[in-house]
Amino acid sequence: MYFVFDLDGTICFKGQPVTEPILQSLEQLTASGHEVVFASARPIRDLLPVLDKRFHGYKMVGGNGSLICQNGNIKQVAEFSFMILVQLKAILEKYRATYLIDGDWDYAYTGPADHPILNNLNPHNLAEKKPLERLNSIVKVLILTSYNMDALYEELKPLDIIIHLHKDEGVLDISPTGIHKWSALKQLCIPQGSYIAFGNDTNDISMFKHAHHAVMIGHHDMLAPYSDETISNDFNVEQQIIEKIAEFNVRYA
């Protein structure tokens, strides 16, 4: 059985790396013959720092599906078309939006100097911050602020893109059309119904839909209909996750 884990808010919290007790429970899965996969909104660049190096050879999905990584080799799956980029840039300028825009490795950032996203951005200085026009390709756009985020969102909706609205953070997460976590799992040759999924947000819906079993961490109104069970996001959340992994390890041995 495959086990597919989102990262932030699912197995790591408040921008901190995945803790050693959870890492050890993941290693117990692999020791039993299961395969662990990580699937994050983070680009691979920012996914690696929250995982111990002994996990860097595992299969990974980054940028909500626009990037995949196998055996440490990163592959770009998709990027925005030239015409979509022209439209996106015009809307960003119109609404004076600030952003984090990811290329296949480097990034452009115009957000506030104290924005919380900076806690997770390029923490090991693996990439270079560049002007937007110097990025070779663009795989993901995160809109951080705008003088009218609601109007900006309405103007984005008709475009041929995928938009995830994260209300708690007040940001818009945009991917190329047809790109999501499930599309990337297919690229990694992971069949429908062959995996257990753990996630916590709307960008996990696609992989929940095609999972054998889906576990939601905390509660999200839009994700809940696709979840088979829930783990409360309370002071004991990590121990509950470890116990659930151990339960599945035995059940699907």
C-alpha atoms as a PDB file:
ATOM      1  CA  MET A   1       0.000   0.000   0.000  1.00  0.00           C
ATOM      2  CA  TYR A   2       1.094   3.560  -0.695  1.00  0.00           C
ATOM      3  CA  PHE A   3       0.754   6.168   2.044  1.00  0.00           C
ATOM      4  CA  VAL A   4       0.520   9.763   0.768  1.00  0.00           C
ATOM      5  CA  PHE A   5       1.054  12.585   3.245  1.00  0.00           C
ATOM      6  CA  ASP A   6       0.479  16.295   2.879  1.00  0.00           C
ATOM      7  CA  LEU A   7       2.927  18.235   5.056  1.00  0.00           C
ATOM      8  CA  ASP A   8       1.863  21.581   6.546  1.00  0.00           C
ATOM      9  CA  GLY A   9      -1.009  21.169   8.976  1.00  0.00           C
ATOM     10  CA  THR A  10      -1.007  17.404   8.404  1.00  0.00           C
ATOM     11  CA  ILE A  11       2.254  15.915   9.711  1.00  0.00           C
ATOM     12  CA  CYS A  12       4.197  19.111  10.444  1.00  0.00           C
ATOM     13  CA  PHE A  13       2.880  22.162  12.209  1.00  0.00           C
ATOM     14  CA  LYS A  14       3.572  25.891  12.601  1.00  0.00           C
ATOM     15  CA  GLY A  15       6.333  25.789   9.997  1.00  0.00           C
ATOM     16  CA  GLN A  16       8.425  23.323  11.992  1.00  0.00           C
ATOM     17  CA  PRO A  17      10.027  20.188  10.496  1.00  0.00           C
ATOM     18  CA  VAL A  18       8.339  16.821  10.779  1.00  0.00           C
ATOM     19  CA  THR A  19       9.187  15.530  14.256  1.00  0.00           C
ATOM     20  CA  GLU A  20      11.321  12.469  14.855  1.00  0.00           C
ATOM     21  CA  PRO A  21       8.494  10.359  16.361  1.00  0.00           C
ATOM     22  CA  ILE A  22       6.400  10.818  13.185  1.00  0.00           C
ATOM     23  CA  LEU A  23       9.438  10.166  10.988  1.00  0.00           C
ATOM     24  CA  GLN A  24      10.047   6.912  12.831  1.00  0.00           C
ATOM     25  CA  SER A  25       6.428   5.860  12.306  1.00  0.00           C
ATOM     26  CA  LEU A  26       6.883   6.508   8.566  1.00  0.00           C
ATOM     27  CA  GLU A  27      10.018   4.370   8.579  1.00  0.00           C
ATOM     28  CA  GLN A  28       8.025   1.577  10.191  1.00  0.00           C
ATOM     29  CA  LEU A  29       5.670   1.718   7.204  1.00  0.00           C
ATOM     30  CA  THR A  30       8.527   1.306   4.743  1.00  0.00           C
ATOM     31  CA  ALA A  31      10.045  -1.478   6.853  1.00  0.00           C
ATOM     32  CA  SER A  32       6.735  -3.325   6.492  1.00  0.00           C
ATOM     33  CA  GLY A  33       6.848  -3.032   2.716  1.00  0.00           C
ATOM     34  CA  HIS A  34       4.609   0.002   2.231  1.00  0.00           C
ATOM     35  CA  GLU A  35       5.737   3.060   0.260  1.00  0.00           C
ATOM     36  CA  VAL A  36       5.575   6.579   1.702  1.00  0.00           C
ATOM     37  CA  VAL A  37       4.985   9.570  -0.587  1.00  0.00           C
ATOM     38  CA  PHE A  38       4.910  13.272   0.322  1.00  0.00           C
ATOM     39  CA  ALA A  39       2.522  15.649  -1.481  1.00  0.00           C
ATOM     40  CA  SER A  40       2.710  19.339  -0.643  1.00  0.00           C
ATOM     41  CA  ALA A  41       1.773  22.787  -1.848  1.00  0.00           C
ATOM     42  CA  ARG A  42       5.403  23.681  -1.175  1.00  0.00           C
ATOM     43  CA  PRO A  43       7.792  23.494  -4.124  1.00  0.00           C
ATOM     44  CA  ILE A  44      10.370  20.743  -3.726  1.00  0.00           C
ATOM     45  CA  ARG A  45      12.873  23.431  -2.727  1.00  0.00           C
ATOM     46  CA  ASP A  46      10.879  24.193   0.447  1.00  0.00           C
ATOM     47  CA  LEU A  47       9.627  20.659   1.000  1.00  0.00           C
ATOM     48  CA  LEU A  48      13.080  19.206   1.577  1.00  0.00           C
ATOM     49  CA  PRO A  49      13.985  21.320   4.657  1.00  0.00           C
ATOM     50  CA  VAL A  50      11.064  19.986   6.734  1.00  0.00           C
ATOM     51  CA  LEU A  51      12.109  16.368   6.120  1.00  0.00           C
ATOM     52  CA  ASP A  52      15.210  14.710   7.500  1.00  0.00           C
ATOM     53  CA  LYS A  53      17.771  13.932   4.788  1.00  0.00           C
ATOM     54  CA  ARG A  54      17.133  10.217   5.100  1.00  0.00           C
ATOM     55  CA  PHE A  55      13.731  10.857   3.447  1.00  0.00           C
ATOM     56  CA  HIS A  56      15.013  12.934   0.518  1.00  0.00           C
ATOM     57  CA  GLY A  57      15.029   9.913  -1.781  1.00  0.00           C
ATOM     58  CA  TYR A  58      11.319   9.256  -1.255  1.00  0.00           C
ATOM     59  CA  LYS A  59       8.776  10.114  -3.936  1.00  0.00           C
ATOM     60  CA  MET A  60       7.496  13.671  -3.616  1.00  0.00           C
ATOM     61  CA  VAL A  61       4.874  15.929  -5.150  1.00  0.00           C
ATOM     62  CA  GLY A  62       5.534  19.666  -4.913  1.00  0.00           C
ATOM     63  CA  GLY A  63       3.788  22.851  -5.934  1.00  0.00           C
ATOM     64  CA  ASN A  64       0.345  21.208  -5.681  1.00  0.00           C
ATOM     65  CA  GLY A  65       1.305  18.818  -8.471  1.00  0.00           C
ATOM     66  CA  SER A  66       3.424  20.946 -10.794  1.00  0.00           C
ATOM     67  CA  LEU A  67       6.647  19.272  -9.628  1.00  0.00           C
ATOM     68  CA  ILE A  68       7.558  15.691  -8.795  1.00  0.00           C
ATOM     69  CA  CYS A  69      10.710  14.208  -7.346  1.00  0.00           C
ATOM     70  CA  GLN A  70      11.979  10.617  -7.483  1.00  0.00           C
ATOM     71  CA  ASN A  71      15.270   9.425  -6.016  1.00  0.00           C
ATOM     72  CA  GLY A  72      16.268  13.052  -5.511  1.00  0.00           C
ATOM     73  CA  ASN A  73      15.660  13.985  -9.154  1.00  0.00           C
ATOM     74  CA  ILE A  74      13.197  16.842  -9.662  1.00  0.00           C
ATOM     75  CA  LYS A  75      10.975  16.943 -12.724  1.00  0.00           C
ATOM     76  CA  GLN A  76       8.763  19.835 -13.770  1.00  0.00           C
ATOM     77  CA  VAL A  77       5.342  18.492 -14.744  1.00  0.00           C
ATOM     78  CA  ALA A  78       3.660  21.712 -15.885  1.00  0.00           C
ATOM     79  CA  GLU A  79       3.953  25.468 -16.122  1.00  0.00           C
ATOM     80  CA  PHE A  80       1.625  28.350 -16.932  1.00  0.00           C
ATOM     81  CA  SER A  81       1.208  29.129 -20.616  1.00  0.00           C
ATOM     82  CA  PHE A  82       2.414  32.457 -21.986  1.00  0.00           C
ATOM     83  CA  MET A  83      -1.130  33.741 -22.523  1.00  0.00           C
ATOM     84  CA  ILE A  84      -2.247  32.816 -19.005  1.00  0.00           C
ATOM     85  CA  LEU A  85       0.827  34.545 -17.578  1.00  0.00           C
ATOM     86  CA  VAL A  86      -0.024  37.714 -19.489  1.00  0.00           C
ATOM     87  CA  GLN A  87      -3.526  37.657 -18.013  1.00  0.00           C
ATOM     88  CA  LEU A  88      -2.299  36.867 -14.513  1.00  0.00           C
ATOM     89  CA  LYS A  89       0.267  39.659 -14.532  1.00  0.00           C
ATOM     90  CA  ALA A  90      -2.338  42.176 -15.701  1.00  0.00           C
ATOM     91  CA  ILE A  91      -4.691  41.210 -12.870  1.00  0.00           C
ATOM     92  CA  LEU A  92      -1.904  41.325 -10.283  1.00  0.00           C
ATOM     93  CA  GLU A  93      -0.996  44.834 -11.402  1.00  0.00           C
ATOM     94  CA  LYS A  94      -4.626  45.979 -11.547  1.00  0.00           C
ATOM     95  CA  TYR A  95      -5.271  44.985  -7.938  1.00  0.00           C
ATOM     96  CA  ARG A  96      -1.791  45.902  -6.672  1.00  0.00           C
ATOM     97  CA  ALA A  97      -1.312  42.341  -5.451  1.00  0.00           C
ATOM     98  CA  THR A  98       1.793  41.064  -3.716  1.00  0.00           C
ATOM     99  CA  TYR A  99       2.879  37.515  -4.333  1.00  0.00           C
ATOM    100  CA  LEU A 100       5.184  34.556  -4.015  1.00  0.00           C
ATOM    101  CA  ILE A 101       5.683  33.098  -7.497  1.00  0.00           C
ATOM    102  CA  ASP A 102       7.631  29.875  -7.917  1.00  0.00           C
ATOM    103  CA  GLY A 103       9.685  28.807 -10.878  1.00  0.00           C
ATOM    104  CA  ASP A 104      10.965  25.271 -11.156  1.00  0.00           C
ATOM    105  CA  TRP A 105      13.514  26.158  -8.451  1.00  0.00           C
ATOM    106  CA  ASP A 106      13.954  29.909  -7.940  1.00  0.00           C
ATOM    107  CA  TYR A 107      11.206  32.343  -6.957  1.00  0.00           C
ATOM    108  CA  ALA A 108       9.938  35.926  -7.035  1.00  0.00           C
ATOM    109  CA  TYR A 109       8.606  37.584  -3.882  1.00  0.00           C
ATOM    110  CA  THR A 110       6.977  41.001  -3.411  1.00  0.00           C
ATOM    111  CA  GLY A 111       5.047  40.404  -0.189  1.00  0.00           C
ATOM    112  CA  PRO A 112       5.423  42.121   3.184  1.00  0.00           C
ATOM    113  CA  ALA A 113       8.743  41.789   4.964  1.00  0.00           C
ATOM    114  CA  ASP A 114       6.961  40.246   7.951  1.00  0.00           C
ATOM    115  CA  HIS A 115       4.576  37.901   6.155  1.00  0.00           C
ATOM    116  CA  PRO A 116       4.314  34.467   7.875  1.00  0.00           C
ATOM    117  CA  ILE A 117       5.062  32.682   4.572  1.00  0.00           C
ATOM    118  CA  LEU A 118       8.664  33.843   4.909  1.00  0.00           C
ATOM    119  CA  ASN A 119       9.127  31.383   7.776  1.00  0.00           C
ATOM    120  CA  ASN A 120       8.779  28.564   5.226  1.00  0.00           C
ATOM    121  CA  LEU A 121      10.384  30.221   2.206  1.00  0.00           C
ATOM    122  CA  ASN A 122      13.814  28.996   1.139  1.00  0.00           C
ATOM    123  CA  PRO A 123      14.973  28.438   4.743  1.00  0.00           C
ATOM    124  CA  HIS A 124      18.252  26.785   3.704  1.00  0.00           C
ATOM    125  CA  ASN A 125      19.008  29.319   0.961  1.00  0.00           C
ATOM    126  CA  LEU A 126      18.826  26.607  -1.674  1.00  0.00           C
ATOM    127  CA  ALA A 127      17.297  28.936  -4.288  1.00  0.00           C
ATOM    128  CA  GLU A 128      17.604  32.525  -5.489  1.00  0.00           C
ATOM    129  CA  LYS A 129      15.068  35.307  -5.219  1.00  0.00           C
ATOM    130  CA  LYS A 130      14.670  36.860  -8.674  1.00  0.00           C
ATOM    131  CA  PRO A 131      12.525  39.483 -10.416  1.00  0.00           C
ATOM    132  CA  LEU A 132       9.467  37.844 -11.956  1.00  0.00           C
ATOM    133  CA  GLU A 133      10.662  38.427 -15.514  1.00  0.00           C
ATOM    134  CA  ARG A 134      13.862  36.457 -14.807  1.00  0.00           C
ATOM    135  CA  LEU A 135      12.109  33.205 -13.866  1.00  0.00           C
ATOM    136  CA  ASN A 136      12.540  30.651 -16.637  1.00  0.00           C
ATOM    137  CA  SER A 137       9.181  29.026 -16.019  1.00  0.00           C
ATOM    138  CA  ILE A 138       6.361  29.602 -13.550  1.00  0.00           C
ATOM    139  CA  VAL A 139       4.684  26.632 -11.880  1.00  0.00           C
ATOM    140  CA  LYS A 140       2.755  28.198  -8.994  1.00  0.00           C
ATOM    141  CA  VAL A 141       1.415  31.598  -7.911  1.00  0.00           C
ATOM    142  CA  LEU A 142       0.531  32.488  -4.328  1.00  0.00           C
ATOM    143  CA  ILE A 143      -1.253  35.846  -3.991  1.00  0.00           C
ATOM    144  CA  LEU A 144      -0.580  37.258  -0.534  1.00  0.00           C
ATOM    145  CA  THR A 145      -2.212  40.683  -0.365  1.00  0.00           C
ATOM    146  CA  SER A 146      -4.335  43.032  -2.470  1.00  0.00           C
ATOM    147  CA  TYR A 147      -6.351  46.179  -1.907  1.00  0.00           C
ATOM    148  CA  ASN A 148      -9.418  44.169  -3.027  1.00  0.00           C
ATOM    149  CA  MET A 149      -8.842  40.432  -2.755  1.00  0.00           C
ATOM    150  CA  ASP A 150     -12.512  39.579  -3.371  1.00  0.00           C
ATOM    151  CA  ALA A 151     -12.657  41.449  -6.684  1.00  0.00           C
ATOM    152  CA  LEU A 152      -9.290  39.989  -7.701  1.00  0.00           C
ATOM    153  CA  TYR A 153     -10.609  36.491  -6.994  1.00  0.00           C
ATOM    154  CA  GLU A 154     -13.722  37.075  -9.115  1.00  0.00           C
ATOM    155  CA  GLU A 155     -11.583  38.267 -12.026  1.00  0.00           C
ATOM    156  CA  LEU A 156      -9.326  35.208 -11.757  1.00  0.00           C
ATOM    157  CA  LYS A 157     -12.157  32.659 -11.764  1.00  0.00           C
ATOM    158  CA  PRO A 158     -12.867  32.724 -15.528  1.00  0.00           C
ATOM    159  CA  LEU A 159      -9.209  32.007 -16.373  1.00  0.00           C
ATOM    160  CA  ASP A 160      -8.110  28.504 -17.329  1.00  0.00           C
ATOM    161  CA  ILE A 161      -6.339  27.875 -14.011  1.00  0.00           C
ATOM    162  CA  ILE A 162      -6.901  26.079 -10.715  1.00  0.00           C
ATOM    163  CA  ILE A 163      -7.481  28.313  -7.678  1.00  0.00           C
ATOM    164  CA  HIS A 164      -7.338  27.249  -4.052  1.00  0.00           C
ATOM    165  CA  LEU A 165      -8.713  29.817  -1.612  1.00  0.00           C
ATOM    166  CA  HIS A 166      -7.117  29.486   1.830  1.00  0.00           C
ATOM    167  CA  LYS A 167      -9.424  31.567   4.006  1.00  0.00           C
ATOM    168  CA  ASP A 168      -7.501  31.055   7.236  1.00  0.00           C
ATOM    169  CA  GLU A 169      -4.326  32.506   5.718  1.00  0.00           C
ATOM    170  CA  GLY A 170      -6.154  34.990   3.459  1.00  0.00           C
ATOM    171  CA  VAL A 171      -4.215  33.876   0.360  1.00  0.00           C
ATOM    172  CA  LEU A 172      -4.999  32.561  -3.120  1.00  0.00           C
ATOM    173  CA  ASP A 173      -2.996  29.590  -4.391  1.00  0.00           C
ATOM    174  CA  ILE A 174      -2.986  29.217  -8.200  1.00  0.00           C
ATOM    175  CA  SER A 175      -1.800  26.286 -10.338  1.00  0.00           C
ATOM    176  CA  PRO A 176      -1.868  25.580 -14.088  1.00  0.00           C
ATOM    177  CA  THR A 177      -5.046  23.973 -15.355  1.00  0.00           C
ATOM    178  CA  GLY A 178      -5.267  20.218 -14.882  1.00  0.00           C
ATOM    179  CA  ILE A 179      -2.539  20.241 -12.251  1.00  0.00           C
ATOM    180  CA  HIS A 180      -3.278  18.980  -8.757  1.00  0.00           C
ATOM    181  CA  LYS A 181      -1.964  16.376  -6.369  1.00  0.00           C
ATOM    182  CA  TRP A 182      -3.827  13.479  -8.000  1.00  0.00           C
ATOM    183  CA  SER A 183      -2.478  14.363 -11.456  1.00  0.00           C
ATOM    184  CA  ALA A 184       1.038  14.223 -10.003  1.00  0.00           C
ATOM    185  CA  LEU A 185       0.424  10.918  -8.234  1.00  0.00           C
ATOM    186  CA  LYS A 186      -0.548   9.464 -11.603  1.00  0.00           C
ATOM    187  CA  GLN A 187       2.741  10.769 -13.003  1.00  0.00           C
ATOM    188  CA  LEU A 188       4.431   8.766 -10.234  1.00  0.00           C
ATOM    189  CA  CYS A 189       2.519   5.661 -11.422  1.00  0.00           C
ATOM    190  CA  ILE A 190       0.428   5.418  -8.250  1.00  0.00           C
ATOM    191  CA  PRO A 191      -2.921   3.845  -9.201  1.00  0.00           C
ATOM    192  CA  GLN A 192      -6.325   5.017  -8.041  1.00  0.00           C
ATOM    193  CA  GLY A 193      -7.444   3.278  -4.864  1.00  0.00           C
ATOM    194  CA  SER A 194      -3.940   2.037  -4.055  1.00  0.00           C
ATOM    195  CA  TYR A 195      -3.095   4.532  -1.327  1.00  0.00           C
ATOM    196  CA  ILE A 196      -4.050   5.957   2.052  1.00  0.00           C
ATOM    197  CA  ALA A 197      -4.138   9.774   2.009  1.00  0.00           C
ATOM    198  CA  PHE A 198      -3.563  12.187   4.894  1.00  0.00           C
ATOM    199  CA  GLY A 199      -4.385  15.885   4.361  1.00  0.00           C
ATOM    200  CA  ASN A 200      -6.036  18.971   5.798  1.00  0.00           C
ATOM    201  CA  ASP A 201      -7.041  21.484   3.113  1.00  0.00           C
ATOM    202  CA  THR A 202      -8.787  22.039  -0.226  1.00  0.00           C
ATOM    203  CA  ASN A 203      -5.676  21.241  -2.242  1.00  0.00           C
ATOM    204  CA  ASP A 204      -5.950  17.691  -0.880  1.00  0.00           C
ATOM    205  CA  ILE A 205      -9.408  17.100  -2.380  1.00  0.00           C
ATOM    206  CA  SER A 206      -8.143  15.594  -5.631  1.00  0.00           C
ATOM    207  CA  MET A 207      -5.982  13.003  -3.874  1.00  0.00           C
ATOM    208  CA  PHE A 208      -8.739  12.246  -1.334  1.00  0.00           C
ATOM    209  CA  LYS A 209     -11.181  11.531  -4.170  1.00  0.00           C
ATOM    210  CA  HIS A 210      -8.994   8.761  -5.578  1.00  0.00           C
ATOM    211  CA  ALA A 211      -7.666   7.268  -2.330  1.00  0.00           C
ATOM    212  CA  HIS A 212      -8.520   3.873  -0.891  1.00  0.00           C
ATOM    213  CA  HIS A 213      -8.977   5.652   2.461  1.00  0.00           C
ATOM    214  CA  ALA A 214      -8.632   9.349   3.364  1.00  0.00           C
ATOM    215  CA  VAL A 215      -7.797  10.826   6.765  1.00  0.00           C
ATOM    216  CA  MET A 216      -8.465  14.517   7.408  1.00  0.00           C
ATOM    217  CA  ILE A 217      -6.397  16.318  10.043  1.00  0.00           C
ATOM    218  CA  GLY A 218      -8.539  18.887  11.826  1.00  0.00           C
ATOM    219  CA  HIS A 219     -11.667  20.012   9.999  1.00  0.00           C
ATOM    220  CA  HIS A 220     -12.190  21.716   6.661  1.00  0.00           C
ATOM    221  CA  ASP A 221     -15.736  22.127   5.326  1.00  0.00           C
ATOM    222  CA  MET A 222     -14.761  21.546   1.686  1.00  0.00           C
ATOM    223  CA  LEU A 223     -12.472  18.579   2.371  1.00  0.00           C
ATOM    224  CA  ALA A 224     -14.769  16.810   4.851  1.00  0.00           C
ATOM    225  CA  PRO A 225     -17.129  15.254   2.226  1.00  0.00           C
ATOM    226  CA  TYR A 226     -14.168  13.353   0.748  1.00  0.00           C
ATOM    227  CA  SER A 227     -12.792  12.146   4.096  1.00  0.00           C
ATOM    228  CA  ASP A 228     -13.319   8.703   5.582  1.00  0.00           C
ATOM    229  CA  GLU A 229     -12.246   9.725   9.048  1.00  0.00           C
ATOM    230  CA  THR A 230     -10.870  12.682  11.011  1.00  0.00           C
ATOM    231  CA  ILE A 231      -8.083  13.218  13.513  1.00  0.00           C
ATOM    232  CA  SER A 232      -8.640  16.188  15.803  1.00  0.00           C
ATOM    233  CA  ASN A 233      -6.030  18.911  15.493  1.00  0.00           C
ATOM    234  CA  ASP A 234      -5.487  19.373  19.201  1.00  0.00           C
ATOM    235  CA  PHE A 235      -2.559  19.153  21.615  1.00  0.00           C
ATOM    236  CA  ASN A 236      -2.388  15.384  21.032  1.00  0.00           C
ATOM    237  CA  VAL A 237      -2.556  15.442  17.235  1.00  0.00           C
ATOM    238  CA  GLU A 238       0.905  14.000  16.594  1.00  0.00           C
ATOM    239  CA  GLN A 239       0.347  11.028  18.881  1.00  0.00           C
ATOM    240  CA  GLN A 240      -3.021  10.380  17.229  1.00  0.00           C
ATOM    241  CA  ILE A 241      -1.337  10.399  13.803  1.00  0.00           C
ATOM    242  CA  ILE A 242       1.352   7.981  14.976  1.00  0.00           C
ATOM    243  CA  GLU A 243      -1.285   5.625  16.381  1.00  0.00           C
ATOM    244  CA  LYS A 244      -3.324   5.801  13.171  1.00  0.00           C
ATOM    245  CA  ILE A 245      -0.245   5.025  11.050  1.00  0.00           C
ATOM    246  CA  ALA A 246       0.529   2.045  13.292  1.00  0.00           C
ATOM    247  CA  GLU A 247      -3.065   0.836  12.954  1.00  0.00           C
ATOM    248  CA  PHE A 248      -2.926   1.039   9.155  1.00  0.00           C
ATOM    249  CA  ASN A 249       0.479  -0.613   9.111  1.00  0.00           C
ATOM    250  CA  VAL A 250      -1.080  -3.699  10.683  1.00  0.00           C
ATOM    251  CA  ARG A 251      -4.383  -3.550   8.793  1.00  0.00           C
ATOM    252  CA  TYR A 252      -2.747  -3.383   5.376  1.00  0.00           C
ATOM    253  CA  ALA A 253       0.219  -5.635   6.097  1.00  0.00           C
END
